[in-house]
């Protein structure tokens, strides 16, 4: 069982099952949303996620594909928790920094390296994609 939550404790979640992938996203939207150079994301089947607390959703329509990303966060402390892609195929993206124990979830791939900050180096051996991994 993987567990996590927001900074103030109003949102808690549990994930059953294994993640599909752990990825660093360097797109401009994730940079803005995370307040950092990239976002570290855990992709999991949405059917295995249970949440307590009330999430607020921002519909991010400023995407290259034109398909919205639903960015879900704690309305009290602002912590980003999940991102849901319009073409998510039953998956949700969990922000690794919100996990109670994020250490085991090192990213294995980087996406949107075309907009990566020039001072960020990918870990040795990590595969990078200029846009989505597809």
Protein backbone atom coordinates (compact mmCIF):
# COMPACT_ATOMS: atom_id res chain seq x y z
CA UNK A 1 0.00 0.00 0.00
CA UNK A 2 1.30 3.45 -0.97
CA UNK A 3 0.02 6.38 1.09
CA UNK A 4 0.32 10.14 0.99
CA UNK A 5 -1.39 13.45 1.39
CA UNK A 6 -1.20 17.21 1.32
CA UNK A 7 0.90 19.52 3.47
CA UNK A 8 -1.89 20.43 5.93
CA UNK A 9 -3.34 16.91 6.27
CA UNK A 10 -6.80 17.74 4.88
CA UNK A 11 -6.24 15.35 1.93
CA UNK A 12 -5.08 11.76 2.37
CA UNK A 13 -4.89 8.99 -0.22
CA UNK A 14 -4.04 5.31 -0.51
CA UNK A 15 -2.89 3.49 -3.63
CA UNK A 16 -3.27 -0.26 -4.08
CA UNK A 17 -1.12 -1.91 -6.70
CA UNK A 18 2.14 -1.03 -8.34
CA UNK A 19 2.88 2.15 -10.29
CA UNK A 20 3.00 1.88 -14.07
CA UNK A 21 5.89 4.35 -14.32
CA UNK A 22 7.68 7.11 -12.41
CA UNK A 23 8.59 10.05 -14.64
CA UNK A 24 10.04 13.53 -14.45
CA UNK A 25 7.99 16.00 -16.48
CA UNK A 26 9.78 19.12 -17.70
CA UNK A 27 6.82 20.73 -19.50
CA UNK A 28 6.16 24.41 -18.82
CA UNK A 29 2.81 23.65 -17.16
CA UNK A 30 4.38 21.23 -14.66
CA UNK A 31 7.14 23.76 -13.98
CA UNK A 32 4.54 26.41 -13.12
CA UNK A 33 2.28 24.03 -11.21
CA UNK A 34 5.13 22.60 -9.10
CA UNK A 35 7.04 25.86 -8.67
CA UNK A 36 10.17 23.95 -9.66
CA UNK A 37 12.21 22.94 -12.70
CA UNK A 38 10.19 19.73 -13.14
CA UNK A 39 7.56 17.56 -11.51
CA UNK A 40 8.16 13.97 -10.42
CA UNK A 41 5.06 11.92 -11.20
CA UNK A 42 3.85 8.44 -10.35
CA UNK A 43 1.38 6.99 -12.87
CA UNK A 44 -1.10 4.55 -11.31
CA UNK A 45 -4.47 3.01 -12.21
CA UNK A 46 -7.18 5.33 -10.90
CA UNK A 47 -9.23 2.29 -9.79
CA UNK A 48 -6.63 1.59 -7.08
CA UNK A 49 -6.73 5.09 -5.55
CA UNK A 50 -8.91 6.05 -2.60
CA UNK A 51 -8.97 9.62 -1.30
CA UNK A 52 -10.31 11.31 1.81
CA UNK A 53 -10.85 15.06 1.95
CA UNK A 54 -12.13 17.45 -0.68
CA UNK A 55 -9.92 18.14 -3.68
CA UNK A 56 -10.18 21.30 -5.76
CA UNK A 57 -9.77 20.96 -9.53
CA UNK A 58 -8.20 23.39 -11.98
CA UNK A 59 -8.85 22.59 -15.65
CA UNK A 60 -5.57 23.37 -17.40
CA UNK A 61 -6.43 23.98 -21.07
CA UNK A 62 -3.07 25.52 -22.02
CA UNK A 63 -1.72 22.27 -23.44
CA UNK A 64 -0.03 21.51 -26.73
CA UNK A 65 -2.59 18.80 -27.57
CA UNK A 66 -5.53 21.03 -26.69
CA UNK A 67 -6.81 18.32 -24.35
CA UNK A 68 -7.30 19.56 -20.79
CA UNK A 69 -5.36 18.34 -17.77
CA UNK A 70 -7.37 18.31 -14.56
CA UNK A 71 -4.97 19.40 -11.83
CA UNK A 72 -6.35 18.40 -8.46
CA UNK A 73 -5.03 19.99 -5.29
CA UNK A 74 -5.84 20.75 -1.67
CA UNK A 75 -8.00 23.88 -1.50
CA UNK A 76 -6.69 24.65 2.01
CA UNK A 77 -2.90 24.46 1.63
CA UNK A 78 -2.57 24.38 -2.19
CA UNK A 79 -0.55 21.15 -2.37
CA UNK A 80 -0.78 19.59 -5.86
CA UNK A 81 -1.89 15.97 -5.49
CA UNK A 82 -3.13 14.47 -8.79
CA UNK A 83 -3.20 15.32 -12.48
CA UNK A 84 -5.68 13.61 -14.78
CA UNK A 85 -5.16 13.68 -18.53
CA UNK A 86 -8.18 13.76 -20.84
CA UNK A 87 -6.75 10.70 -22.61
CA UNK A 88 -5.67 9.10 -19.32
CA UNK A 89 -6.91 5.59 -20.15
CA UNK A 90 -7.87 4.83 -16.55
CA UNK A 91 -4.66 6.25 -15.11
CA UNK A 92 -3.98 9.13 -12.75
CA UNK A 93 -0.74 10.97 -12.04
CA UNK A 94 0.29 11.33 -8.40
CA UNK A 95 2.83 13.96 -7.34
CA UNK A 96 5.68 11.94 -5.76
CA UNK A 97 6.47 14.72 -3.28
CA UNK A 98 3.09 14.09 -1.62
CA UNK A 99 3.90 10.45 -0.80
CA UNK A 100 4.57 9.59 2.85
CA UNK A 101 7.68 7.70 1.67
CA UNK A 102 8.80 8.98 -1.74
CA UNK A 103 12.33 7.49 -1.56
CA UNK A 104 11.57 4.20 -3.39
CA UNK A 105 10.08 5.99 -6.40
CA UNK A 106 13.02 7.26 -8.44
CA UNK A 107 12.09 8.46 -11.94
CA UNK A 108 13.05 6.12 -14.77
CA UNK A 109 12.20 8.47 -17.64
CA UNK A 110 11.99 12.20 -18.39
CA UNK A 111 9.37 13.73 -20.69
CA UNK A 112 9.19 17.15 -22.31
CA UNK A 113 12.98 17.50 -22.26
CA UNK A 114 12.58 20.05 -25.09
CA UNK A 115 11.52 22.56 -22.39
CA UNK A 116 13.89 21.31 -19.67
CA UNK A 117 15.85 23.97 -17.81
CA UNK A 118 19.38 24.12 -19.27
CA UNK A 119 20.95 23.66 -15.82
CA UNK A 120 19.06 20.39 -15.14
CA UNK A 121 20.96 17.23 -16.04
CA UNK A 122 19.14 13.94 -16.48
CA UNK A 123 20.39 11.11 -14.26
CA UNK A 124 22.88 8.84 -15.98
CA UNK A 125 21.11 6.15 -17.98
CA UNK A 126 17.69 7.81 -17.74
CA UNK A 127 15.83 7.93 -21.05
CA UNK A 128 14.51 11.31 -22.15
CA UNK A 129 11.81 12.27 -24.63
CA UNK A 130 11.49 15.74 -26.23
CA UNK A 131 7.71 15.55 -25.69
CA UNK A 132 5.48 12.79 -24.23
CA UNK A 133 6.82 9.25 -24.28
CA UNK A 134 3.78 8.14 -26.31
